[in-house]
Amino acid sequence: MNTVVFVLVTFLHNLFTAIWIGGLMVAALSFLPALKETLDEAPKIQRVMTAFQRRQSLWVYISIVGLIVTGVLMTNRSPKFDGFFAFSNGYSVALSIKHVLVLIMVAIALFRTIGLTRTRLAAAKRERVSLQLLLANASLGVLVLLTTAIVTSFARPLAGG
């Protein structure tokens, strides 16, 4: 039964990661460029992006909570886990870096969806900052995936390594 639970928890963790980071990558690399290519007017682009962000934010927040829950459940699986933000071995260092990156991503996501709308910036400036934050979070998402690969390599070294 432990294996079934671990598989389910890992699957959900990967699914939440795909929804959040995948959504960022799709928005940054495909959706926004396609909008700019097909819609001539900035107000239309802004309305579509606002609607997209509103829908995507719900999934992002669900994913953040899901990642926290599944991440905590997964930590006990590795004997190399020495606690959150521990730096006692390669596994812990890589995991700590990953957690710092994720915390920065959460802060950016919250600011972009909640804080930015409350600023007194002009609409054009707010849109530009939102785009910059989207690109920053997509880049951080790639770094999170890289650190995840590093954590995995420390947890399960290659045969003969």
N, C-alpha and C. Protein backbone atom coordinates (compact mmCIF):
# COMPACT_ATOMS: atom_id res chain seq x y z
N MET A 1 0.81 -1.20 0.00
CA MET A 1 0.00 0.00 0.00
C MET A 1 0.86 1.27 0.00
N ASN A 2 2.02 1.25 0.68
CA ASN A 2 2.91 2.40 0.69
C ASN A 2 3.31 2.81 -0.71
N THR A 3 3.58 1.83 -1.58
CA THR A 3 3.98 2.13 -2.95
C THR A 3 2.85 2.82 -3.69
N VAL A 4 1.63 2.36 -3.51
CA VAL A 4 0.48 2.97 -4.18
C VAL A 4 0.31 4.41 -3.73
N VAL A 5 0.42 4.65 -2.44
CA VAL A 5 0.30 6.02 -1.90
C VAL A 5 1.41 6.89 -2.45
N PHE A 6 2.64 6.39 -2.45
CA PHE A 6 3.77 7.16 -2.95
C PHE A 6 3.58 7.49 -4.43
N VAL A 7 3.12 6.54 -5.22
CA VAL A 7 2.88 6.78 -6.64
C VAL A 7 1.80 7.85 -6.82
N LEU A 8 0.73 7.77 -6.05
CA LEU A 8 -0.35 8.76 -6.14
C LEU A 8 0.15 10.15 -5.74
N VAL A 9 0.90 10.23 -4.64
CA VAL A 9 1.42 11.52 -4.17
C VAL A 9 2.39 12.10 -5.20
N THR A 10 3.27 11.27 -5.74
CA THR A 10 4.22 11.73 -6.75
C THR A 10 3.50 12.18 -8.01
N PHE A 11 2.50 11.41 -8.43
CA PHE A 11 1.70 11.80 -9.60
C PHE A 11 1.05 13.16 -9.39
N LEU A 12 0.42 13.36 -8.25
CA LEU A 12 -0.24 14.64 -7.97
C LEU A 12 0.78 15.78 -7.92
N HIS A 13 1.94 15.53 -7.31
CA HIS A 13 2.99 16.55 -7.25
C HIS A 13 3.41 16.94 -8.68
N ASN A 14 3.61 15.95 -9.52
CA ASN A 14 4.00 16.22 -10.91
C ASN A 14 2.88 16.93 -11.67
N LEU A 15 1.63 16.55 -11.43
CA LEU A 15 0.49 17.18 -12.08
C LEU A 15 0.39 18.65 -11.68
N PHE A 16 0.51 18.94 -10.39
CA PHE A 16 0.46 20.33 -9.93
C PHE A 16 1.61 21.14 -10.51
N THR A 17 2.78 20.53 -10.62
CA THR A 17 3.93 21.21 -11.23
C THR A 17 3.65 21.51 -12.70
N ALA A 18 3.09 20.54 -13.40
CA ALA A 18 2.78 20.73 -14.82
C ALA A 18 1.75 21.83 -15.02
N ILE A 19 0.74 21.88 -14.16
CA ILE A 19 -0.29 22.92 -14.29
C ILE A 19 0.33 24.29 -14.07
N TRP A 20 1.12 24.44 -13.02
CA TRP A 20 1.66 25.76 -12.69
C TRP A 20 2.78 26.19 -13.66
N ILE A 21 3.84 25.39 -13.71
CA ILE A 21 4.97 25.78 -14.55
C ILE A 21 4.61 25.63 -16.03
N GLY A 22 3.86 24.60 -16.36
CA GLY A 22 3.41 24.44 -17.74
C GLY A 22 2.54 25.61 -18.19
N GLY A 23 1.66 26.06 -17.30
CA GLY A 23 0.83 27.22 -17.62
C GLY A 23 1.65 28.47 -17.86
N LEU A 24 2.69 28.65 -17.04
CA LEU A 24 3.59 29.80 -17.23
C LEU A 24 4.30 29.72 -18.57
N MET A 25 4.79 28.53 -18.91
CA MET A 25 5.53 28.36 -20.15
C MET A 25 4.61 28.56 -21.37
N VAL A 26 3.42 28.01 -21.31
CA VAL A 26 2.47 28.18 -22.41
C VAL A 26 2.12 29.65 -22.59
N ALA A 27 1.85 30.32 -21.48
CA ALA A 27 1.50 31.74 -21.55
C ALA A 27 2.65 32.57 -22.13
N ALA A 28 3.86 32.32 -21.65
CA ALA A 28 5.02 33.12 -22.07
C ALA A 28 5.48 32.80 -23.49
N LEU A 29 5.48 31.53 -23.85
CA LEU A 29 6.07 31.13 -25.13
C LEU A 29 5.08 31.06 -26.29
N SER A 30 3.80 30.81 -25.99
CA SER A 30 2.84 30.60 -27.07
C SER A 30 1.64 31.53 -27.03
N PHE A 31 0.94 31.55 -25.89
CA PHE A 31 -0.34 32.26 -25.82
C PHE A 31 -0.18 33.77 -26.01
N LEU A 32 0.68 34.39 -25.24
CA LEU A 32 0.86 35.84 -25.35
C LEU A 32 1.40 36.25 -26.72
N PRO A 33 2.42 35.59 -27.26
CA PRO A 33 2.87 35.95 -28.61
C PRO A 33 1.77 35.77 -29.67
N ALA A 34 0.96 34.73 -29.53
CA ALA A 34 -0.14 34.52 -30.48
C ALA A 34 -1.18 35.63 -30.37
N LEU A 35 -1.46 36.06 -29.15
CA LEU A 35 -2.39 37.18 -28.95
C LEU A 35 -1.88 38.44 -29.64
N LYS A 36 -0.62 38.74 -29.40
CA LYS A 36 -0.04 39.97 -29.98
C LYS A 36 0.01 39.89 -31.50
N GLU A 37 0.16 38.69 -32.02
CA GLU A 37 0.22 38.51 -33.47
C GLU A 37 -1.15 38.65 -34.12
N THR A 38 -2.20 38.21 -33.43
CA THR A 38 -3.53 38.18 -34.05
C THR A 38 -4.43 39.34 -33.66
N LEU A 39 -4.23 39.92 -32.50
CA LEU A 39 -5.07 41.05 -32.07
C LEU A 39 -4.27 42.33 -32.20
N ASP A 40 -4.82 43.27 -32.92
CA ASP A 40 -4.10 44.52 -33.18
C ASP A 40 -4.18 45.52 -32.04
N GLU A 41 -5.24 45.47 -31.28
CA GLU A 41 -5.47 46.50 -30.28
C GLU A 41 -5.02 46.05 -28.89
N ALA A 42 -4.25 46.90 -28.23
CA ALA A 42 -3.76 46.59 -26.89
C ALA A 42 -4.89 46.34 -25.89
N PRO A 43 -6.01 47.11 -25.93
CA PRO A 43 -7.09 46.84 -24.97
C PRO A 43 -7.68 45.44 -25.11
N LYS A 44 -7.77 44.93 -26.34
CA LYS A 44 -8.28 43.56 -26.54
C LYS A 44 -7.32 42.54 -25.96
N ILE A 45 -6.05 42.74 -26.21
CA ILE A 45 -5.03 41.83 -25.68
C ILE A 45 -5.10 41.83 -24.16
N GLN A 46 -5.21 43.01 -23.58
CA GLN A 46 -5.27 43.13 -22.12
C GLN A 46 -6.52 42.45 -21.56
N ARG A 47 -7.65 42.57 -22.23
CA ARG A 47 -8.88 41.92 -21.74
C ARG A 47 -8.75 40.40 -21.78
N VAL A 48 -8.18 39.89 -22.88
CA VAL A 48 -8.00 38.44 -23.00
C VAL A 48 -7.01 37.95 -21.95
N MET A 49 -5.90 38.65 -21.78
CA MET A 49 -4.90 38.23 -20.78
C MET A 49 -5.46 38.31 -19.36
N THR A 50 -6.28 39.31 -19.09
CA THR A 50 -6.89 39.42 -17.76
C THR A 50 -7.81 38.23 -17.51
N ALA A 51 -8.62 37.87 -18.52
CA ALA A 51 -9.52 36.72 -18.38
C ALA A 51 -8.72 35.43 -18.22
N PHE A 52 -7.66 35.29 -19.00
CA PHE A 52 -6.80 34.10 -18.91
C PHE A 52 -6.16 34.02 -17.53
N GLN A 53 -5.62 35.14 -17.07
CA GLN A 53 -4.95 35.17 -15.76
C GLN A 53 -5.92 34.85 -14.64
N ARG A 54 -7.15 35.36 -14.75
CA ARG A 54 -8.15 35.09 -13.71
C ARG A 54 -8.42 33.58 -13.61
N ARG A 55 -8.59 32.95 -14.76
CA ARG A 55 -8.84 31.50 -14.76
C ARG A 55 -7.61 30.71 -14.32
N GLN A 56 -6.45 31.09 -14.83
CA GLN A 56 -5.22 30.37 -14.52
C GLN A 56 -4.84 30.53 -13.05
N SER A 57 -5.13 31.69 -12.47
CA SER A 57 -4.79 31.94 -11.06
C SER A 57 -5.43 30.92 -10.14
N LEU A 58 -6.67 30.56 -10.41
CA LEU A 58 -7.35 29.56 -9.59
C LEU A 58 -6.56 28.25 -9.62
N TRP A 59 -6.16 27.83 -10.82
CA TRP A 59 -5.40 26.58 -10.95
C TRP A 59 -4.02 26.70 -10.30
N VAL A 60 -3.42 27.87 -10.40
CA VAL A 60 -2.11 28.08 -9.77
C VAL A 60 -2.23 27.97 -8.26
N TYR A 61 -3.24 28.61 -7.67
CA TYR A 61 -3.40 28.56 -6.22
C TYR A 61 -3.71 27.14 -5.75
N ILE A 62 -4.53 26.42 -6.48
CA ILE A 62 -4.79 25.01 -6.15
C ILE A 62 -3.49 24.22 -6.24
N SER A 63 -2.70 24.49 -7.28
CA SER A 63 -1.43 23.77 -7.46
C SER A 63 -0.44 24.09 -6.35
N ILE A 64 -0.38 25.34 -5.93
CA ILE A 64 0.54 25.71 -4.85
C ILE A 64 0.20 24.95 -3.58
N VAL A 65 -1.08 24.91 -3.23
CA VAL A 65 -1.49 24.16 -2.03
C VAL A 65 -1.19 22.68 -2.23
N GLY A 66 -1.52 22.16 -3.40
CA GLY A 66 -1.25 20.75 -3.68
C GLY A 66 0.22 20.42 -3.63
N LEU A 67 1.07 21.32 -4.14
CA LEU A 67 2.51 21.10 -4.10
C LEU A 67 3.05 21.09 -2.68
N ILE A 68 2.51 21.96 -1.85
CA ILE A 68 2.95 21.99 -0.44
C ILE A 68 2.59 20.67 0.23
N VAL A 69 1.34 20.25 0.09
CA VAL A 69 0.87 19.02 0.75
C VAL A 69 1.64 17.81 0.23
N THR A 70 1.71 17.66 -1.09
CA THR A 70 2.40 16.48 -1.63
C THR A 70 3.90 16.54 -1.38
N GLY A 71 4.47 17.75 -1.41
CA GLY A 71 5.91 17.89 -1.13
C GLY A 71 6.25 17.46 0.28
N VAL A 72 5.43 17.86 1.24
CA VAL A 72 5.66 17.45 2.63
C VAL A 72 5.55 15.93 2.75
N LEU A 73 4.57 15.35 2.08
CA LEU A 73 4.41 13.89 2.13
C LEU A 73 5.59 13.17 1.48
N MET A 74 6.19 13.78 0.48
CA MET A 74 7.31 13.14 -0.23
C MET A 74 8.63 13.24 0.51
N THR A 75 8.78 14.22 1.39
CA THR A 75 10.08 14.42 2.04
C THR A 75 10.51 13.22 2.88
N ASN A 76 9.59 12.57 3.50
CA ASN A 76 9.93 11.43 4.37
C ASN A 76 10.39 10.22 3.58
N ARG A 77 10.24 10.27 2.28
CA ARG A 77 10.59 9.13 1.43
C ARG A 77 12.11 8.95 1.31
N SER A 78 12.87 10.03 1.39
CA SER A 78 14.32 9.95 1.21
C SER A 78 15.04 10.01 2.55
N PRO A 79 15.93 9.06 2.80
CA PRO A 79 16.72 9.10 4.03
C PRO A 79 17.72 10.27 4.04
N LYS A 80 17.95 10.89 2.88
CA LYS A 80 18.88 12.01 2.80
C LYS A 80 18.24 13.33 3.21
N PHE A 81 16.94 13.33 3.44
CA PHE A 81 16.24 14.55 3.83
C PHE A 81 16.57 14.84 5.29
N ASP A 82 17.18 16.01 5.54
CA ASP A 82 17.56 16.39 6.90
C ASP A 82 16.74 17.54 7.45
N GLY A 83 15.68 17.90 6.76
CA GLY A 83 14.82 19.00 7.21
C GLY A 83 14.79 20.11 6.18
N PHE A 84 13.78 20.95 6.30
CA PHE A 84 13.63 22.05 5.38
C PHE A 84 14.77 23.06 5.57
N PHE A 85 15.31 23.52 4.48
CA PHE A 85 16.40 24.49 4.45
C PHE A 85 17.64 23.99 5.20
N ALA A 86 17.88 22.68 5.08
CA ALA A 86 19.10 22.09 5.63
C ALA A 86 20.16 22.08 4.52
N PHE A 87 21.41 22.14 4.92
CA PHE A 87 22.50 22.17 3.95
C PHE A 87 23.57 21.13 4.32
N SER A 88 23.13 19.98 4.83
CA SER A 88 24.05 18.97 5.33
C SER A 88 24.58 18.02 4.27
N ASN A 89 23.90 17.92 3.13
CA ASN A 89 24.36 17.05 2.06
C ASN A 89 23.85 17.62 0.73
N GLY A 90 24.33 17.05 -0.37
CA GLY A 90 23.95 17.55 -1.69
C GLY A 90 22.45 17.55 -1.93
N TYR A 91 21.81 16.48 -1.47
CA TYR A 91 20.36 16.37 -1.62
C TYR A 91 19.67 17.53 -0.91
N SER A 92 20.04 17.79 0.33
CA SER A 92 19.42 18.85 1.13
C SER A 92 19.70 20.23 0.55
N VAL A 93 20.91 20.44 0.05
CA VAL A 93 21.26 21.73 -0.56
C VAL A 93 20.40 21.98 -1.80
N ALA A 94 20.33 20.98 -2.67
CA ALA A 94 19.53 21.13 -3.90
C ALA A 94 18.05 21.34 -3.56
N LEU A 95 17.55 20.60 -2.59
CA LEU A 95 16.15 20.73 -2.19
C LEU A 95 15.89 22.10 -1.57
N SER A 96 16.83 22.60 -0.79
CA SER A 96 16.68 23.93 -0.19
C SER A 96 16.67 25.01 -1.26
N ILE A 97 17.55 24.89 -2.25
CA ILE A 97 17.56 25.85 -3.36
C ILE A 97 16.22 25.80 -4.09
N LYS A 98 15.73 24.61 -4.33
CA LYS A 98 14.43 24.45 -4.99
C LYS A 98 13.34 25.14 -4.19
N HIS A 99 13.33 24.95 -2.88
CA HIS A 99 12.30 25.56 -2.04
C HIS A 99 12.39 27.09 -2.04
N VAL A 100 13.59 27.63 -2.05
CA VAL A 100 13.76 29.09 -2.12
C VAL A 100 13.20 29.61 -3.45
N LEU A 101 13.53 28.91 -4.54
CA LEU A 101 13.00 29.32 -5.85
C LEU A 101 11.48 29.27 -5.87
N VAL A 102 10.90 28.22 -5.30
CA VAL A 102 9.44 28.09 -5.27
C VAL A 102 8.82 29.20 -4.42
N LEU A 103 9.44 29.52 -3.29
CA LEU A 103 8.91 30.62 -2.46
C LEU A 103 8.93 31.94 -3.23
N ILE A 104 9.98 32.19 -3.99
CA ILE A 104 10.03 33.40 -4.81
C ILE A 104 8.93 33.36 -5.87
N MET A 105 8.71 32.19 -6.47
CA MET A 105 7.65 32.06 -7.47
C MET A 105 6.27 32.32 -6.86
N VAL A 106 6.04 31.82 -5.66
CA VAL A 106 4.76 32.05 -4.98
C VAL A 106 4.58 33.54 -4.73
N ALA A 107 5.62 34.20 -4.26
CA ALA A 107 5.54 35.64 -3.99
C ALA A 107 5.23 36.41 -5.27
N ILE A 108 5.89 36.05 -6.35
CA ILE A 108 5.63 36.71 -7.64
C ILE A 108 4.19 36.45 -8.08
N ALA A 109 3.74 35.22 -7.97
CA ALA A 109 2.37 34.89 -8.39
C ALA A 109 1.35 35.68 -7.59
N LEU A 110 1.55 35.76 -6.29
CA LEU A 110 0.62 36.52 -5.44
C LEU A 110 0.66 38.00 -5.77
N PHE A 111 1.85 38.55 -5.95
CA PHE A 111 1.95 39.97 -6.27
C PHE A 111 1.33 40.25 -7.63
N ARG A 112 1.59 39.37 -8.60
CA ARG A 112 1.09 39.59 -9.96
C ARG A 112 -0.43 39.55 -10.02
N THR A 113 -1.04 38.64 -9.25
CA THR A 113 -2.49 38.50 -9.33
C THR A 113 -3.25 39.34 -8.32
N ILE A 114 -2.62 39.68 -7.21
CA ILE A 114 -3.32 40.44 -6.17
C ILE A 114 -2.71 41.83 -5.99
N GLY A 115 -1.42 41.89 -5.76
CA GLY A 115 -0.76 43.15 -5.44
C GLY A 115 -0.67 44.13 -6.60
N LEU A 116 -0.39 43.63 -7.78
CA LEU A 116 -0.20 44.52 -8.92
C LEU A 116 -1.47 45.27 -9.28
N THR A 117 -2.61 44.63 -9.10
CA THR A 117 -3.88 45.30 -9.42
C THR A 117 -4.19 46.43 -8.45
N ARG A 118 -3.56 46.41 -7.29
CA ARG A 118 -3.80 47.45 -6.27
C ARG A 118 -2.81 48.61 -6.35
N THR A 119 -1.87 48.52 -7.28
CA THR A 119 -0.90 49.61 -7.41
C THR A 119 -1.53 50.76 -8.17
N ARG A 120 -0.90 51.91 -8.09
CA ARG A 120 -1.40 53.09 -8.79
C ARG A 120 -0.70 53.30 -10.14
N LEU A 121 -0.11 52.23 -10.65
CA LEU A 121 0.57 52.33 -11.94
C LEU A 121 -0.44 52.53 -13.06
N ALA A 122 -0.02 53.23 -14.09
CA ALA A 122 -0.86 53.37 -15.28
C ALA A 122 -1.05 51.99 -15.90
N ALA A 123 -2.14 51.81 -16.60
CA ALA A 123 -2.48 50.49 -17.16
C ALA A 123 -1.36 49.93 -18.03
N ALA A 124 -0.78 50.74 -18.88
CA ALA A 124 0.29 50.26 -19.76
C ALA A 124 1.51 49.81 -18.95
N LYS A 125 1.86 50.58 -17.94
CA LYS A 125 3.00 50.22 -17.08
C LYS A 125 2.70 48.95 -16.30
N ARG A 126 1.48 48.83 -15.79
CA ARG A 126 1.08 47.64 -15.03
C ARG A 126 1.13 46.41 -15.92
N GLU A 127 0.70 46.54 -17.17
CA GLU A 127 0.74 45.44 -18.12
C GLU A 127 2.19 45.02 -18.40
N ARG A 128 3.07 45.99 -18.55
CA ARG A 128 4.50 45.72 -18.81
C ARG A 128 5.12 45.00 -17.61
N VAL A 129 4.82 45.47 -16.40
CA VAL A 129 5.36 44.83 -15.19
C VAL A 129 4.80 43.41 -15.07
N SER A 130 3.53 43.24 -15.37
CA SER A 130 2.92 41.91 -15.31
C SER A 130 3.62 40.95 -16.27
N LEU A 131 3.92 41.42 -17.47
CA LEU A 131 4.63 40.60 -18.45
C LEU A 131 6.02 40.25 -17.95
N GLN A 132 6.72 41.21 -17.38
CA GLN A 132 8.06 40.96 -16.85
C GLN A 132 8.01 39.93 -15.72
N LEU A 133 6.99 40.03 -14.86
CA LEU A 133 6.84 39.06 -13.77
C LEU A 133 6.49 37.68 -14.31
N LEU A 134 5.67 37.62 -15.34
CA LEU A 134 5.34 36.34 -15.98
C LEU A 134 6.60 35.68 -16.52
N LEU A 135 7.41 36.46 -17.22
CA LEU A 135 8.66 35.92 -17.79
C LEU A 135 9.63 35.51 -16.69
N ALA A 136 9.70 36.30 -15.62
CA ALA A 136 10.57 35.95 -14.49
C ALA A 136 10.11 34.64 -13.86
N ASN A 137 8.80 34.49 -13.65
CA ASN A 137 8.31 33.27 -13.03
C ASN A 137 8.49 32.06 -13.94
N ALA A 138 8.32 32.25 -15.25
CA ALA A 138 8.56 31.14 -16.18
C ALA A 138 10.03 30.72 -16.12
N SER A 139 10.93 31.69 -16.05
CA SER A 139 12.37 31.38 -15.94
C SER A 139 12.68 30.66 -14.64
N LEU A 140 12.10 31.15 -13.55
CA LEU A 140 12.29 30.47 -12.26
C LEU A 140 11.71 29.06 -12.30
N GLY A 141 10.61 28.90 -13.00
CA GLY A 141 10.01 27.56 -13.15
C GLY A 141 10.97 26.59 -13.81
N VAL A 142 11.68 27.06 -14.82
CA VAL A 142 12.68 26.21 -15.48
C VAL A 142 13.79 25.84 -14.49
N LEU A 143 14.21 26.81 -13.68
CA LEU A 143 15.23 26.52 -12.66
C LEU A 143 14.73 25.54 -11.62
N VAL A 144 13.45 25.63 -11.28
CA VAL A 144 12.86 24.66 -10.34
C VAL A 144 12.91 23.26 -10.94
N LEU A 145 12.60 23.14 -12.22
CA LEU A 145 12.66 21.83 -12.87
C LEU A 145 14.10 21.30 -12.89
N LEU A 146 15.06 22.20 -13.12
CA LEU A 146 16.47 21.79 -13.08
C LEU A 146 16.86 21.31 -11.68
N THR A 147 16.50 22.07 -10.66
CA THR A 147 16.85 21.65 -9.30
C THR A 147 16.13 20.37 -8.92
N THR A 148 14.93 20.16 -9.45
CA THR A 148 14.23 18.90 -9.21
C THR A 148 15.02 17.73 -9.78
N ALA A 149 15.56 17.92 -10.97
CA ALA A 149 16.38 16.87 -11.58
C ALA A 149 17.63 16.60 -10.73
N ILE A 150 18.21 17.66 -10.20
CA ILE A 150 19.40 17.50 -9.34
C ILE A 150 19.02 16.76 -8.06
N VAL A 151 17.91 17.16 -7.43
CA VAL A 151 17.44 16.48 -6.22
C VAL A 151 17.22 15.00 -6.51
N THR A 152 16.59 14.71 -7.63
CA THR A 152 16.31 13.31 -8.00
C THR A 152 17.61 12.54 -8.20
N SER A 153 18.61 13.18 -8.81
CA SER A 153 19.88 12.47 -9.02
C SER A 153 20.58 12.17 -7.70
N PHE A 154 20.44 13.06 -6.71
CA PHE A 154 21.02 12.78 -5.39
C PHE A 154 20.23 11.71 -4.66
N ALA A 155 18.94 11.66 -4.87
CA ALA A 155 18.11 10.66 -4.19
C ALA A 155 18.34 9.27 -4.76
N ARG A 156 18.55 9.21 -6.07
CA ARG A 156 18.74 7.92 -6.74
C ARG A 156 19.91 8.03 -7.72
N PRO A 157 21.14 7.85 -7.24
CA PRO A 157 22.30 7.98 -8.16
C PRO A 157 22.23 6.97 -9.28
N LEU A 158 22.85 7.31 -10.41
CA LEU A 158 22.91 6.40 -11.54
C LEU A 158 23.68 5.15 -11.15
N ALA A 159 23.33 4.05 -11.77
CA ALA A 159 24.03 2.78 -11.50
C ALA A 159 25.51 2.93 -11.82
N GLY A 160 26.33 2.46 -10.94
CA GLY A 160 27.77 2.54 -11.13
C GLY A 160 28.37 3.87 -10.73
N GLY A 161 27.48 4.82 -10.23
CA GLY A 161 27.96 6.17 -9.91
C GLY A 161 28.26 6.37 -8.47
